[in-house]
Amino acid sequence: MTWQSGHRADDKTFLVTGANAGIGYFAAEQLAATGATVILGCRDTSKADLAMQAIRARVEGARLRQVPLNLADLSTLPATVDALGVDSLDAVVLNAGIMLSGPERRVSPQGHELMFATNHLGHFALVAHLTPVLAAGSRVITVGSFAARSERLDLADLDSKHDYQPKPSYGRSKLAQMLFAFELDRRLRASGATIASIVVHPGGALDALTPARPPLFARTPAQRLRGLPANLVLHGKDAGAHPIVRAVLDTDITGGQLWGPRVFGLRGRPHQETPHPHMTDLDTAAGLWAASSARTGVDPFSVRQSP
C-alpha cells in the first residue's frame, strides 16, 4: 500500500524526466495509477517504449506519452517542449541525471562538464522553456540526493575544470539542483506566482531491493538474496519514488519544502526534512542562478526575494 493508493488525478498532466529507468520509472508508474496523463521525457525513445509497455502491464488504461529529451544538449530543449503538445502541465518532475565513474572529464555539446550540464543546467533551462505551460497551482519537483550533503559549490569552477573527480562532481551537480529549486521557490513567491517548487530525495535506493519490471528490467534470485541484508536500512527504487509522488499529489505540501524517507533519511515513508544550510544559502543560490542563466541563455524567473 502506497500513499497515493486511491488518490485520483484524472484531469492532471505530469512530465517526468528520465522516466525510462530507476526511480523515474517508478514515479511514472505510480502517477499513472492515479489516472493522470504521464509524459515520459527520455533520451532513448526505445527505452521509453519499453517503460510504457511495463507500466501498461501493471496499470490498466494508463494514459502515457513520451517526448525525446536530451538534457545535456541545451539546443534541443525548445523542440522537446514543443513536442509536449499540451496547453498546460500540472507538475514536472526533474528526475533525470547521470553519474559518471570514469576519471576523464567529459563535456556537453555546449562545453560544460557533463554531469553539471545534464543534472542541473538542462533542468534549469527546461523549467525556463516550460514556464508558459506551467499551470496555476502547478508543481516543479526537483529530485536531490544524499550526495549533496557533503559537497559545496565553487562558483568560480562550476564546470570542474580545475578540480574534477567523478563522485564530488556528481554531488556538486545535485547540490546545484537543490540550490536552484529552493531559489526557484523564493522567486516564485516574490513574483506572486502560485507555482510551487519542492525538493525531494529518494534516500538509499538499491537495484537489488527493486522489484522487476519486465521487459524493462529484471532481478535475479541471486540479486534478491544479496539485497536482503540491506533491507534493514535501505529500500528499493519503487519506494524511493514515494517522496516524488507525494510531492506531486499532496496539496498539504507547499513550496520550499524538502521531503525524503522517514528512517534516517534512508528508507521508509516520506516525511518533511530540514534542509542543510548550504542547500538554501541565498548568496550561493543567487550566484548559481546568474551563472546558470549566462550559460543557458534563459532565465525562468528574474525576481529575487530580498533576504
Protein backbone atom coordinates (compact mmCIF):
# COMPACT_ATOMS: atom_id res chain seq x y z
CA MET A 1 0.00 0.00 0.00
CA THR A 2 1.49 3.35 -1.07
CA TRP A 3 0.49 6.88 -0.14
CA GLN A 4 -1.19 7.59 -3.48
CA SER A 5 -3.38 4.45 -3.40
CA GLY A 6 -6.93 5.58 -4.10
CA HIS A 7 -5.83 9.12 -4.98
CA ARG A 8 -7.22 10.21 -8.34
CA ALA A 9 -5.71 12.80 -10.67
CA ASP A 10 -7.63 12.04 -13.86
CA ASP A 11 -7.63 15.62 -15.09
CA LYS A 12 -3.91 16.21 -14.47
CA THR A 13 -0.88 16.03 -16.78
CA PHE A 14 2.59 15.34 -15.40
CA LEU A 15 6.02 15.30 -17.08
CA VAL A 16 8.70 13.04 -15.59
CA THR A 17 12.24 13.40 -16.89
CA GLY A 18 14.34 10.25 -17.03
CA ALA A 19 11.24 8.07 -16.71
CA ASN A 20 12.57 5.03 -18.54
CA ALA A 21 14.58 3.60 -15.63
CA GLY A 22 15.06 3.51 -11.87
CA ILE A 23 13.28 5.98 -9.64
CA GLY A 24 11.91 7.96 -12.58
CA TYR A 25 10.24 4.86 -13.97
CA PHE A 26 8.53 4.06 -10.66
CA ALA A 27 7.40 7.67 -10.24
CA ALA A 28 5.80 7.46 -13.69
CA GLU A 29 4.17 4.11 -12.91
CA GLN A 30 2.77 5.30 -9.58
CA LEU A 31 1.50 8.57 -11.06
CA ALA A 32 -0.10 6.70 -13.97
CA ALA A 33 -2.06 4.65 -11.41
CA THR A 34 -3.86 7.85 -10.33
CA GLY A 35 -5.41 8.26 -13.77
CA ALA A 36 -3.22 11.22 -14.71
CA THR A 37 -1.68 11.61 -18.14
CA VAL A 38 2.04 10.97 -17.66
CA ILE A 39 4.56 12.16 -20.23
CA LEU A 40 7.88 10.33 -20.14
CA GLY A 41 10.79 12.59 -21.08
CA CYS A 42 13.60 10.24 -22.17
CA ARG A 43 16.77 10.45 -24.22
CA ASP A 44 16.35 6.91 -25.59
CA THR A 45 12.97 6.50 -27.28
CA SER A 46 13.25 2.70 -27.47
CA LYS A 47 13.73 2.52 -23.70
CA ALA A 48 10.79 4.87 -23.26
CA ASP A 49 8.68 2.45 -25.32
CA LEU A 50 9.72 -0.42 -23.03
CA ALA A 51 8.89 1.68 -19.96
CA MET A 52 5.42 2.43 -21.28
CA GLN A 53 4.93 -1.27 -22.07
CA ALA A 54 5.90 -2.16 -18.49
CA ILE A 55 3.57 0.47 -17.00
CA ARG A 56 0.62 -0.63 -19.13
CA ALA A 57 1.17 -4.22 -17.99
CA ARG A 58 0.54 -3.09 -14.40
CA VAL A 59 -1.78 -0.10 -14.78
CA GLU A 60 -4.91 -0.80 -16.76
CA GLY A 61 -5.85 2.10 -19.01
CA ALA A 62 -2.62 4.00 -18.27
CA ARG A 63 -2.51 7.27 -20.18
CA LEU A 64 1.07 7.66 -21.34
CA ARG A 65 3.07 9.61 -23.88
CA GLN A 66 6.74 10.16 -24.47
CA VAL A 67 8.87 13.03 -25.74
CA PRO A 68 12.55 12.93 -26.67
CA LEU A 69 14.61 14.72 -24.02
CA ASN A 70 18.36 15.24 -24.08
CA LEU A 71 19.16 17.49 -21.14
CA ALA A 72 22.86 17.54 -21.98
CA ASP A 73 22.23 19.43 -25.23
CA LEU A 74 20.60 22.76 -24.48
CA SER A 75 19.83 23.41 -28.14
CA THR A 76 17.29 20.54 -28.20
CA LEU A 77 15.09 21.68 -25.34
CA PRO A 78 12.76 24.10 -27.21
CA ALA A 79 11.82 21.28 -29.59
CA THR A 80 11.15 18.98 -26.64
CA VAL A 81 8.75 21.49 -25.11
CA ASP A 82 7.02 21.96 -28.48
CA ALA A 83 6.66 18.17 -28.73
CA LEU A 84 4.72 18.07 -25.45
CA GLY A 85 1.68 19.31 -27.33
CA VAL A 86 -0.08 20.48 -24.16
CA ASP A 87 -1.62 23.77 -23.14
CA SER A 88 -0.69 23.24 -19.51
CA LEU A 89 1.27 20.97 -17.17
CA ASP A 90 0.26 20.32 -13.58
CA ALA A 91 3.69 19.10 -12.49
CA VAL A 92 7.16 18.46 -13.85
CA VAL A 93 9.45 16.03 -12.04
CA LEU A 94 13.12 16.93 -12.57
CA ASN A 95 14.50 13.45 -12.07
CA ALA A 96 16.80 12.59 -14.98
CA GLY A 97 20.51 12.56 -14.33
CA ILE A 98 23.80 10.84 -14.93
CA MET A 99 26.57 9.75 -12.60
CA LEU A 100 29.91 9.13 -14.30
CA SER A 101 32.60 6.92 -12.82
CA GLY A 102 35.48 7.31 -15.25
CA PRO A 103 38.47 9.50 -14.41
CA GLU A 104 38.24 11.58 -17.59
CA ARG A 105 36.24 14.79 -17.51
CA ARG A 106 33.56 14.79 -20.21
CA VAL A 107 31.72 17.78 -21.62
CA SER A 108 28.33 18.54 -23.15
CA PRO A 109 27.83 19.85 -26.71
CA GLN A 110 27.97 23.37 -25.24
CA GLY A 111 31.28 22.60 -23.48
CA HIS A 112 30.09 22.23 -19.88
CA GLU A 113 31.10 19.39 -17.56
CA LEU A 114 28.65 16.65 -18.48
CA MET A 115 27.11 15.88 -15.07
CA PHE A 116 26.64 19.57 -14.23
CA ALA A 117 25.23 20.15 -17.72
CA THR A 118 22.79 17.25 -17.59
CA ASN A 119 21.71 17.22 -13.97
CA HIS A 120 21.50 20.96 -13.36
CA LEU A 121 21.82 23.18 -16.44
CA GLY A 122 19.49 21.07 -18.56
CA HIS A 123 16.78 21.14 -15.92
CA PHE A 124 17.31 24.86 -15.27
CA ALA A 125 16.78 25.56 -18.96
CA LEU A 126 13.89 23.10 -19.24
CA VAL A 127 11.98 24.92 -16.49
CA ALA A 128 12.56 28.21 -18.30
CA HIS A 129 11.17 26.79 -21.55
CA LEU A 130 8.23 25.22 -19.69
CA THR A 131 7.22 28.46 -17.97
CA PRO A 132 4.44 29.28 -20.49
CA VAL A 133 2.72 25.91 -19.93
CA LEU A 134 3.10 25.54 -16.15
CA ALA A 135 -0.46 25.86 -14.90
CA ALA A 136 -1.55 27.97 -11.96
CA GLY A 137 -1.00 25.85 -8.87
CA SER A 138 1.40 23.51 -10.68
CA ARG A 139 4.49 21.98 -9.11
CA VAL A 140 8.16 21.71 -10.01
CA ILE A 141 9.59 18.71 -8.17
CA THR A 142 13.39 18.51 -8.03
CA VAL A 143 14.97 15.18 -7.12
CA GLY A 144 18.04 15.87 -5.00
CA SER A 145 20.48 13.43 -3.44
CA PHE A 146 22.28 12.48 -0.25
CA ALA A 147 25.46 13.16 -2.25
CA ALA A 148 24.79 16.90 -1.96
CA ARG A 149 25.17 16.90 1.82
CA SER A 150 28.95 16.72 1.87
CA GLU A 151 29.67 18.97 -1.12
CA ARG A 152 29.99 22.72 -1.57
CA LEU A 153 29.81 24.75 -4.79
CA ASP A 154 32.76 26.71 -6.12
CA LEU A 155 31.06 29.41 -8.17
CA ALA A 156 34.36 30.09 -9.93
CA ASP A 157 34.64 26.46 -11.10
CA LEU A 158 31.12 25.16 -11.68
CA ASP A 159 32.31 23.11 -14.64
CA SER A 160 35.01 21.37 -12.57
CA LYS A 161 37.79 22.44 -14.90
CA HIS A 162 40.32 22.65 -12.08
CA ASP A 163 39.02 20.05 -9.63
CA TYR A 164 37.34 17.18 -11.45
CA GLN A 165 36.68 13.95 -9.60
CA PRO A 166 33.61 11.89 -10.56
CA LYS A 167 31.92 11.48 -7.18
CA PRO A 168 32.44 15.02 -5.84
CA SER A 169 31.47 16.49 -9.21
CA TYR A 170 28.27 14.44 -9.19
CA GLY A 171 27.50 15.60 -5.65
CA ARG A 172 28.05 19.22 -6.66
CA SER A 173 25.70 18.82 -9.63
CA LYS A 174 22.98 17.53 -7.29
CA LEU A 175 23.66 20.35 -4.81
CA ALA A 176 23.27 22.80 -7.69
CA GLN A 177 19.86 21.28 -8.46
CA MET A 178 18.74 21.67 -4.87
CA LEU A 179 20.04 25.23 -4.54
CA PHE A 180 18.21 26.09 -7.76
CA ALA A 181 14.97 24.51 -6.54
CA PHE A 182 14.93 26.41 -3.25
CA GLU A 183 15.84 29.66 -5.01
CA LEU A 184 13.15 29.00 -7.62
CA ASP A 185 10.54 28.81 -4.91
CA ARG A 186 11.75 32.07 -3.37
CA ARG A 187 11.49 33.80 -6.74
CA LEU A 188 8.09 32.31 -7.43
CA ARG A 189 6.80 33.63 -4.11
CA ALA A 190 8.33 37.06 -4.77
CA SER A 191 6.69 37.22 -8.20
CA GLY A 192 3.29 36.30 -6.80
CA ALA A 193 3.13 33.07 -8.82
CA THR A 194 1.15 30.13 -7.49
CA ILE A 195 3.60 27.54 -8.85
CA ALA A 196 5.40 25.62 -6.08
CA SER A 197 8.99 24.38 -6.21
CA ILE A 198 9.50 21.36 -3.94
CA VAL A 199 12.66 19.32 -3.28
CA VAL A 200 12.69 15.58 -2.62
CA HIS A 201 15.29 12.87 -2.31
CA PRO A 202 14.89 9.08 -2.57
CA GLY A 203 17.12 8.01 0.32
CA GLY A 204 19.14 4.85 -0.19
CA ALA A 205 17.50 3.16 -3.17
CA LEU A 206 19.14 -0.04 -4.42
CA ASP A 207 18.60 -2.08 -7.57
CA ALA A 208 18.87 -5.27 -5.51
CA LEU A 209 15.79 -4.25 -3.49
CA THR A 210 13.80 -3.09 -6.50
CA PRO A 211 11.02 -5.26 -7.97
CA ALA A 212 11.42 -6.41 -11.57
CA ARG A 213 9.53 -4.69 -14.34
CA PRO A 214 9.84 -6.84 -17.48
CA PRO A 215 10.61 -6.20 -20.26
CA LEU A 216 12.34 -3.09 -18.93
CA PHE A 217 14.49 -4.73 -16.25
CA ALA A 218 14.65 -7.93 -14.24
CA ARG A 219 16.08 -9.04 -10.90
CA THR A 220 17.62 -12.45 -10.46
CA PRO A 221 17.07 -14.57 -7.33
CA ALA A 222 20.77 -14.14 -6.52
CA GLN A 223 20.46 -10.36 -6.67
CA ARG A 224 17.42 -10.51 -4.41
CA LEU A 225 19.25 -12.59 -1.83
CA ARG A 226 22.26 -10.27 -1.87
CA GLY A 227 19.99 -7.32 -1.23
CA LEU A 228 18.12 -8.75 1.74
CA PRO A 229 20.59 -7.63 4.46
CA ALA A 230 20.48 -4.07 3.13
CA ASN A 231 16.70 -4.05 3.52
CA LEU A 232 17.18 -3.17 7.19
CA VAL A 233 18.48 0.30 6.35
CA LEU A 234 17.75 0.88 2.65
CA HIS A 235 14.90 0.29 0.21
CA GLY A 236 14.17 -0.27 -3.48
CA LYS A 237 13.72 2.32 -6.18
CA ASP A 238 9.98 1.78 -6.10
CA ALA A 239 9.96 3.08 -2.51
CA GLY A 240 12.50 5.76 -3.45
CA ALA A 241 9.85 7.21 -5.78
CA HIS A 242 7.32 7.70 -2.97
CA PRO A 243 8.56 11.17 -1.90
CA ILE A 244 8.31 12.31 -5.53
CA VAL A 245 4.76 11.06 -5.93
CA ARG A 246 3.63 12.53 -2.64
CA ALA A 247 5.16 15.91 -3.51
CA VAL A 248 3.26 15.88 -6.80
CA LEU A 249 -0.11 14.91 -5.29
CA ASP A 250 -0.29 16.06 -1.65
CA THR A 251 -1.81 19.53 -1.56
CA ASP A 252 -0.66 19.95 2.05
CA ILE A 253 2.96 20.04 0.84
CA THR A 254 3.97 23.59 -0.01
CA GLY A 255 6.76 25.20 -1.99
CA GLY A 256 10.22 25.43 -0.46
CA GLN A 257 9.91 22.17 1.48
CA LEU A 258 12.25 19.16 1.41
CA TRP A 259 10.82 15.64 1.63
CA GLY A 260 12.59 12.30 1.95
CA PRO A 261 12.29 8.88 3.64
CA ARG A 262 11.49 8.90 7.33
CA VAL A 263 14.04 6.41 8.72
CA PHE A 264 17.39 8.25 8.95
CA GLY A 265 16.62 9.75 5.55
CA LEU A 266 17.39 6.36 4.01
CA ARG A 267 14.16 4.36 3.90
CA GLY A 268 10.55 4.43 4.97
CA ARG A 269 7.52 6.60 4.32
CA PRO A 270 8.04 10.18 3.12
CA HIS A 271 8.30 12.96 5.66
CA GLN A 272 9.38 16.59 5.70
CA GLU A 273 13.05 17.27 6.44
CA THR A 274 15.01 20.38 7.31
CA PRO A 275 17.50 21.18 4.53
CA HIS A 276 21.13 21.73 5.42
CA PRO A 277 22.05 25.44 5.49
CA HIS A 278 24.39 25.20 2.49
CA MET A 279 21.46 23.96 0.37
CA THR A 280 19.50 27.16 0.94
CA ASP A 281 22.31 29.74 1.11
CA LEU A 282 20.98 32.90 -0.54
CA ASP A 283 24.28 34.23 -1.88
CA THR A 284 25.38 30.91 -3.37
CA ALA A 285 21.94 30.39 -4.91
CA ALA A 286 21.95 33.87 -6.45
CA GLY A 287 25.43 33.34 -7.88
CA LEU A 288 24.48 29.94 -9.26
CA TRP A 289 21.31 31.35 -10.81
CA ALA A 290 23.22 34.13 -12.57
CA ALA A 291 25.87 31.71 -13.82
CA SER A 292 23.24 29.22 -14.99
CA SER A 293 21.32 31.91 -16.85
CA ALA A 294 24.52 33.06 -18.55
CA ARG A 295 25.40 29.50 -19.59
CA THR A 296 21.93 28.57 -20.86
CA GLY A 297 20.78 31.92 -22.23
CA VAL A 298 17.43 31.64 -20.41
CA ASP A 299 16.02 32.68 -17.04
CA PRO A 300 12.93 31.03 -15.50
CA PHE A 301 12.15 33.98 -13.21
CA SER A 302 14.09 37.19 -12.80
CA VAL A 303 12.60 38.31 -9.48
CA ARG A 304 14.65 37.56 -6.35
CA GLN A 305 13.15 37.86 -2.91
CA SER A 306 15.07 40.14 -0.57
CA PRO A 307 16.57 38.32 2.43
